[in-house]
PDB file of N, CA and C in Angstrom:
ATOM      1  N   MET A   1       5.906   6.144  -4.221  1.00  0.00           N
ATOM      2  CA  MET A   1       5.442   5.491  -3.016  1.00  0.00           C
ATOM      3  C   MET A   1       5.014   4.080  -3.377  1.00  0.00           C
ATOM      4  N   GLN A   2       5.375   3.167  -2.532  1.00  0.00           N
ATOM      5  CA  GLN A   2       4.991   1.772  -2.721  1.00  0.00           C
ATOM      6  C   GLN A   2       3.954   1.429  -1.667  1.00  0.00           C
ATOM      7  N   LEU A   3       2.869   0.799  -2.106  1.00  0.00           N
ATOM      8  CA  LEU A   3       1.792   0.393  -1.207  1.00  0.00           C
ATOM      9  C   LEU A   3       1.657  -1.120  -1.257  1.00  0.00           C
ATOM     10  N   MET A   4       1.559  -1.748  -0.078  1.00  0.00           N
ATOM     11  CA  MET A   4       1.418  -3.208  -0.016  1.00  0.00           C
ATOM     12  C   MET A   4       0.446  -3.575   1.093  1.00  0.00           C
ATOM     13  N   LEU A   5      -0.323  -4.626   0.856  1.00  0.00           N
ATOM     14  CA  LEU A   5      -1.146  -5.228   1.903  1.00  0.00           C
ATOM     15  C   LEU A   5      -0.499  -6.544   2.299  1.00  0.00           C
ATOM     16  N   GLN A   6      -0.347  -6.749   3.609  1.00  0.00           N
ATOM     17  CA  GLN A   6       0.264  -7.985   4.094  1.00  0.00           C
ATOM     18  C   GLN A   6      -0.578  -8.549   5.229  1.00  0.00           C
ATOM     19  N   PRO A   7      -0.842  -9.853   5.214  1.00  0.00           N
ATOM     20  CA  PRO A   7      -1.535 -10.456   6.357  1.00  0.00           C
ATOM     21  C   PRO A   7      -0.577 -10.532   7.547  1.00  0.00           C
ATOM     22  N   ASP A   8      -1.131 -10.406   8.757  1.00  0.00           N
ATOM     23  CA  ASP A   8      -0.278 -10.568   9.932  1.00  0.00           C
ATOM     24  C   ASP A   8      -0.553 -11.919  10.594  1.00  0.00           C
ATOM     25  N   LEU A   9       0.166 -12.216  11.627  1.00  0.00           N
ATOM     26  CA  LEU A   9       0.076 -13.530  12.268  1.00  0.00           C
ATOM     27  C   LEU A   9      -1.187 -13.704  13.100  1.00  0.00           C
ATOM     28  N   LEU A  10      -1.888 -12.619  13.392  1.00  0.00           N
ATOM     29  CA  LEU A  10      -3.071 -12.687  14.248  1.00  0.00           C
ATOM     30  C   LEU A  10      -4.374 -12.625  13.463  1.00  0.00           C
ATOM     31  N   GLY A  11      -4.301 -12.736  12.148  1.00  0.00           N
ATOM     32  CA  GLY A  11      -5.502 -12.730  11.322  1.00  0.00           C
ATOM     33  C   GLY A  11      -5.899 -11.361  10.809  1.00  0.00           C
ATOM     34  N   GLY A  12      -5.148 -10.335  11.157  1.00  0.00           N
ATOM     35  CA  GLY A  12      -5.415  -8.988  10.666  1.00  0.00           C
ATOM     36  C   GLY A  12      -4.613  -8.708   9.404  1.00  0.00           C
ATOM     37  N   TRP A  13      -4.647  -7.447   8.993  1.00  0.00           N
ATOM     38  CA  TRP A  13      -3.936  -7.028   7.789  1.00  0.00           C
ATOM     39  C   TRP A  13      -3.160  -5.756   8.076  1.00  0.00           C
ATOM     40  N   THR A  14      -2.054  -5.581   7.365  1.00  0.00           N
ATOM     41  CA  THR A  14      -1.209  -4.407   7.513  1.00  0.00           C
ATOM     42  C   THR A  14      -1.058  -3.726   6.161  1.00  0.00           C
ATOM     43  N   LEU A  15      -1.321  -2.417   6.140  1.00  0.00           N
ATOM     44  CA  LEU A  15      -1.046  -1.599   4.961  1.00  0.00           C
ATOM     45  C   LEU A  15       0.340  -1.004   5.160  1.00  0.00           C
ATOM     46  N   VAL A  16       1.249  -1.314   4.251  1.00  0.00           N
ATOM     47  CA  VAL A  16       2.622  -0.828   4.328  1.00  0.00           C
ATOM     48  C   VAL A  16       2.794   0.240   3.259  1.00  0.00           C
ATOM     49  N   ARG A  17       3.223   1.428   3.688  1.00  0.00           N
ATOM     50  CA  ARG A  17       3.494   2.538   2.769  1.00  0.00           C
ATOM     51  C   ARG A  17       4.987   2.835   2.843  1.00  0.00           C
ATOM     52  N   GLU A  18       5.655   2.715   1.725  1.00  0.00           N
ATOM     53  CA  GLU A  18       7.088   2.995   1.678  1.00  0.00           C
ATOM     54  C   GLU A  18       7.321   4.131   0.694  1.00  0.00           C
ATOM     55  N   SER A  19       7.981   5.179   1.161  1.00  0.00           N
ATOM     56  CA  SER A  19       8.227   6.323   0.289  1.00  0.00           C
ATOM     57  C   SER A  19       9.686   6.750   0.407  1.00  0.00           C
ATOM     58  N   GLY A  20      10.175   7.372  -0.637  1.00  0.00           N
ATOM     59  CA  GLY A  20      11.551   7.844  -0.671  1.00  0.00           C
ATOM     60  C   GLY A  20      12.096   7.732  -2.082  1.00  0.00           C
ATOM     61  N   GLN A  21      13.280   8.261  -2.261  1.00  0.00           N
ATOM     62  CA  GLN A  21      13.895   8.218  -3.577  1.00  0.00           C
ATOM     63  C   GLN A  21      14.515   6.849  -3.820  1.00  0.00           C
ATOM     64  N   ILE A  22      14.500   6.439  -5.082  1.00  0.00           N
ATOM     65  CA  ILE A  22      15.095   5.156  -5.459  1.00  0.00           C
ATOM     66  C   ILE A  22      16.591   5.203  -5.156  1.00  0.00           C
ATOM     67  N   GLY A  23      17.070   4.200  -4.462  1.00  0.00           N
ATOM     68  CA  GLY A  23      18.484   4.133  -4.123  1.00  0.00           C
ATOM     69  C   GLY A  23      18.861   4.924  -2.878  1.00  0.00           C
ATOM     70  N   GLY A  24      17.906   5.648  -2.317  1.00  0.00           N
ATOM     71  CA  GLY A  24      18.187   6.443  -1.122  1.00  0.00           C
ATOM     72  C   GLY A  24      17.436   5.914   0.079  1.00  0.00           C
ATOM     73  N   ARG A  25      17.435   6.698   1.114  1.00  0.00           N
ATOM     74  CA  ARG A  25      16.701   6.313   2.314  1.00  0.00           C
ATOM     75  C   ARG A  25      15.210   6.360   2.042  1.00  0.00           C
ATOM     76  N   SER A  26      14.504   5.474   2.696  1.00  0.00           N
ATOM     77  CA  SER A  26      13.054   5.475   2.539  1.00  0.00           C
ATOM     78  C   SER A  26      12.398   5.470   3.913  1.00  0.00           C
ATOM     79  N   THR A  27      11.152   5.885   3.931  1.00  0.00           N
ATOM     80  CA  THR A  27      10.343   5.889   5.141  1.00  0.00           C
ATOM     81  C   THR A  27       9.289   4.809   4.996  1.00  0.00           C
ATOM     82  N   VAL A  28       9.138   3.986   6.014  1.00  0.00           N
ATOM     83  CA  VAL A  28       8.143   2.918   5.993  1.00  0.00           C
ATOM     84  C   VAL A  28       7.139   3.187   7.105  1.00  0.00           C
ATOM     85  N   ARG A  29       5.866   3.223   6.728  1.00  0.00           N
ATOM     86  CA  ARG A  29       4.788   3.376   7.707  1.00  0.00           C
ATOM     87  C   ARG A  29       3.880   2.167   7.595  1.00  0.00           C
ATOM     88  N   ARG A  30       3.462   1.660   8.743  1.00  0.00           N
ATOM     89  CA  ARG A  30       2.569   0.496   8.777  1.00  0.00           C
ATOM     90  C   ARG A  30       1.297   0.874   9.516  1.00  0.00           C
ATOM     91  N   GLU A  31       0.169   0.459   8.952  1.00  0.00           N
ATOM     92  CA  GLU A  31      -1.132   0.718   9.562  1.00  0.00           C
ATOM     93  C   GLU A  31      -1.871  -0.612   9.681  1.00  0.00           C
ATOM     94  N   GLN A  32      -2.315  -0.933  10.887  1.00  0.00           N
ATOM     95  CA  GLN A  32      -2.959  -2.215  11.166  1.00  0.00           C
ATOM     96  C   GLN A  32      -4.475  -2.140  10.953  1.00  0.00           C
ATOM     97  N   PHE A  33      -5.050  -3.232  10.438  1.00  0.00           N
ATOM     98  CA  PHE A  33      -6.491  -3.346  10.230  1.00  0.00           C
ATOM     99  C   PHE A  33      -6.948  -4.719  10.700  1.00  0.00           C
ATOM    100  N   LEU A  34      -8.185  -4.789  11.164  1.00  0.00           N
ATOM    101  CA  LEU A  34      -8.724  -6.052  11.660  1.00  0.00           C
ATOM    102  C   LEU A  34      -9.143  -6.988  10.537  1.00  0.00           C
ATOM    103  N   ASP A  35      -9.540  -6.407   9.378  1.00  0.00           N
ATOM    104  CA  ASP A  35      -9.990  -7.254   8.272  1.00  0.00           C
ATOM    105  C   ASP A  35      -9.449  -6.738   6.946  1.00  0.00           C
ATOM    106  N   ARG A  36      -9.469  -7.624   5.953  1.00  0.00           N
ATOM    107  CA  ARG A  36      -8.911  -7.302   4.638  1.00  0.00           C
ATOM    108  C   ARG A  36      -9.696  -6.195   3.942  1.00  0.00           C
ATOM    109  N   ASP A  37     -11.019  -6.190   4.113  1.00  0.00           N
ATOM    110  CA  ASP A  37     -11.836  -5.195   3.419  1.00  0.00           C
ATOM    111  C   ASP A  37     -11.481  -3.770   3.831  1.00  0.00           C
ATOM    112  N   SER A  38     -11.340  -3.523   5.128  1.00  0.00           N
ATOM    113  CA  SER A  38     -10.998  -2.171   5.575  1.00  0.00           C
ATOM    114  C   SER A  38      -9.570  -1.807   5.164  1.00  0.00           C
ATOM    115  N   ALA A  39      -8.667  -2.773   5.157  1.00  0.00           N
ATOM    116  CA  ALA A  39      -7.301  -2.520   4.703  1.00  0.00           C
ATOM    117  C   ALA A  39      -7.286  -2.185   3.213  1.00  0.00           C
ATOM    118  N   PHE A  40      -8.107  -2.881   2.432  1.00  0.00           N
ATOM    119  CA  PHE A  40      -8.155  -2.638   0.993  1.00  0.00           C
ATOM    120  C   PHE A  40      -8.734  -1.258   0.686  1.00  0.00           C
ATOM    121  N   VAL A  41      -9.730  -0.825   1.473  1.00  0.00           N
ATOM    122  CA  VAL A  41     -10.296   0.519   1.298  1.00  0.00           C
ATOM    123  C   VAL A  41      -9.215   1.571   1.549  1.00  0.00           C
ATOM    124  N   ALA A  42      -8.422   1.389   2.603  1.00  0.00           N
ATOM    125  CA  ALA A  42      -7.334   2.323   2.903  1.00  0.00           C
ATOM    126  C   ALA A  42      -6.281   2.317   1.794  1.00  0.00           C
ATOM    127  N   LEU A  43      -5.990   1.143   1.244  1.00  0.00           N
ATOM    128  CA  LEU A  43      -5.046   1.034   0.136  1.00  0.00           C
ATOM    129  C   LEU A  43      -5.550   1.812  -1.079  1.00  0.00           C
ATOM    130  N   GLU A  44      -6.826   1.647  -1.397  1.00  0.00           N
ATOM    131  CA  GLU A  44      -7.405   2.361  -2.536  1.00  0.00           C
ATOM    132  C   GLU A  44      -7.384   3.868  -2.316  1.00  0.00           C
ATOM    133  N   GLN A  45      -7.655   4.323  -1.100  1.00  0.00           N
ATOM    134  CA  GLN A  45      -7.627   5.754  -0.804  1.00  0.00           C
ATOM    135  C   GLN A  45      -6.217   6.314  -0.960  1.00  0.00           C
ATOM    136  N   ALA A  46      -5.215   5.589  -0.468  1.00  0.00           N
ATOM    137  CA  ALA A  46      -3.827   6.024  -0.609  1.00  0.00           C
ATOM    138  C   ALA A  46      -3.424   6.053  -2.082  1.00  0.00           C
ATOM    139  N   ARG A  47      -3.853   5.039  -2.832  1.00  0.00           N
ATOM    140  CA  ARG A  47      -3.565   4.988  -4.269  1.00  0.00           C
ATOM    141  C   ARG A  47      -4.196   6.176  -4.987  1.00  0.00           C
ATOM    142  N   ASP A  48      -5.457   6.472  -4.668  1.00  0.00           N
ATOM    143  CA  ASP A  48      -6.153   7.581  -5.318  1.00  0.00           C
ATOM    144  C   ASP A  48      -5.486   8.919  -5.015  1.00  0.00           C
ATOM    145  N   GLN A  49      -4.990   9.095  -3.789  1.00  0.00           N
ATOM    146  CA  GLN A  49      -4.266  10.320  -3.438  1.00  0.00           C
ATOM    147  C   GLN A  49      -3.019  10.470  -4.301  1.00  0.00           C
ATOM    148  N   GLN A  50      -2.292   9.389  -4.490  1.00  0.00           N
ATOM    149  CA  GLN A  50      -1.079   9.445  -5.290  1.00  0.00           C
ATOM    150  C   GLN A  50      -1.385   9.727  -6.760  1.00  0.00           C
ATOM    151  N   LEU A  51      -2.460   9.148  -7.277  1.00  0.00           N
ATOM    152  CA  LEU A  51      -2.848   9.413  -8.664  1.00  0.00           C
ATOM    153  C   LEU A  51      -3.207  10.879  -8.854  1.00  0.00           C
ATOM    154  N   LYS A  52      -3.880  11.482  -7.882  1.00  0.00           N
ATOM    155  CA  LYS A  52      -4.232  12.907  -7.963  1.00  0.00           C
ATOM    156  C   LYS A  52      -2.984  13.781  -7.965  1.00  0.00           C
ATOM    157  N   ARG A  53      -1.918  13.305  -7.348  1.00  0.00           N
ATOM    158  CA  ARG A  53      -0.661  14.056  -7.294  1.00  0.00           C
ATOM    159  C   ARG A  53       0.202  13.829  -8.532  1.00  0.00           C
ATOM    160  N   GLY A  54      -0.278  13.013  -9.470  1.00  0.00           N
ATOM    161  CA  GLY A  54       0.440  12.812 -10.719  1.00  0.00           C
ATOM    162  C   GLY A  54       1.309  11.570 -10.781  1.00  0.00           C
ATOM    163  N   PHE A  55       1.286  10.746  -9.755  1.00  0.00           N
ATOM    164  CA  PHE A  55       2.045   9.502  -9.787  1.00  0.00           C
ATOM    165  C   PHE A  55       1.390   8.533 -10.764  1.00  0.00           C
ATOM    166  N   GLN A  56       2.163   7.581 -11.263  1.00  0.00           N
ATOM    167  CA  GLN A  56       1.639   6.569 -12.169  1.00  0.00           C
ATOM    168  C   GLN A  56       1.647   5.213 -11.477  1.00  0.00           C
ATOM    169  N   LEU A  57       0.691   4.362 -11.860  1.00  0.00           N
ATOM    170  CA  LEU A  57       0.601   3.025 -11.281  1.00  0.00           C
ATOM    171  C   LEU A  57       1.629   2.097 -11.901  1.00  0.00           C
ATOM    172  N   MET A  58       2.232   1.274 -11.062  1.00  0.00           N
ATOM    173  CA  MET A  58       3.118   0.204 -11.511  1.00  0.00           C
ATOM    174  C   MET A  58       2.768  -1.006 -10.669  1.00  0.00           C
ATOM    175  N   PHE A  59       2.715  -2.171 -11.282  1.00  0.00           N
ATOM    176  CA  PHE A  59       2.372  -3.389 -10.563  1.00  0.00           C
ATOM    177  C   PHE A  59       3.592  -4.286 -10.497  1.00  0.00           C
ATOM    178  N   SER A  60       3.850  -4.815  -9.319  1.00  0.00           N
ATOM    179  CA  SER A  60       4.967  -5.741  -9.174  1.00  0.00           C
ATOM    180  C   SER A  60       4.466  -7.169  -9.346  1.00  0.00           C
ATOM    181  N   GLN A  61       5.379  -8.089  -9.423  1.00  0.00           N
ATOM    182  CA  GLN A  61       5.032  -9.494  -9.620  1.00  0.00           C
ATOM    183  C   GLN A  61       4.118  -9.966  -8.496  1.00  0.00           C
ATOM    184  N   GLY A  62       3.055 -10.654  -8.869  1.00  0.00           N
ATOM    185  CA  GLY A  62       2.124 -11.180  -7.886  1.00  0.00           C
ATOM    186  C   GLY A  62       1.030 -10.213  -7.505  1.00  0.00           C
ATOM    187  N   ALA A  63       1.124  -8.981  -7.949  1.00  0.00           N
ATOM    188  CA  ALA A  63       0.107  -7.991  -7.604  1.00  0.00           C
ATOM    189  C   ALA A  63      -1.059  -8.094  -8.571  1.00  0.00           C
ATOM    190  N   GLU A  64      -2.231  -7.843  -8.063  1.00  0.00           N
ATOM    191  CA  GLU A  64      -3.426  -7.841  -8.898  1.00  0.00           C
ATOM    192  C   GLU A  64      -3.802  -6.405  -9.222  1.00  0.00           C
ATOM    193  N   ALA A  65      -4.257  -6.184 -10.430  1.00  0.00           N
ATOM    194  CA  ALA A  65      -4.735  -4.862 -10.815  1.00  0.00           C
ATOM    195  C   ALA A  65      -6.032  -4.567 -10.070  1.00  0.00           C
ATOM    196  N   PRO A  66      -6.261  -3.288  -9.712  1.00  0.00           N
ATOM    197  CA  PRO A  66      -7.511  -2.930  -9.035  1.00  0.00           C
ATOM    198  C   PRO A  66      -8.714  -3.256  -9.896  1.00  0.00           C
ATOM    199  N   ARG A  67      -9.802  -3.618  -9.245  1.00  0.00           N
ATOM    200  CA  ARG A  67     -11.022  -3.966  -9.983  1.00  0.00           C
ATOM    201  C   ARG A  67     -11.888  -2.767 -10.211  1.00  0.00           C
TER     202      ARG A  67
END
């Protein structure tokens, strides 16, 4: 699963969750937030769920490691 935070045009933030097999079809879900802090909390919760399921963290270019 790929998790991304993206700013929107209205000053809010979007948590994008993309899941699926590499090279195959994927599912994209977007969740809107009014501020970055609440979006980041949701991102951390989604990340923690994936870690509990045995997934490993990978960081893409431009991504910051969690603090």
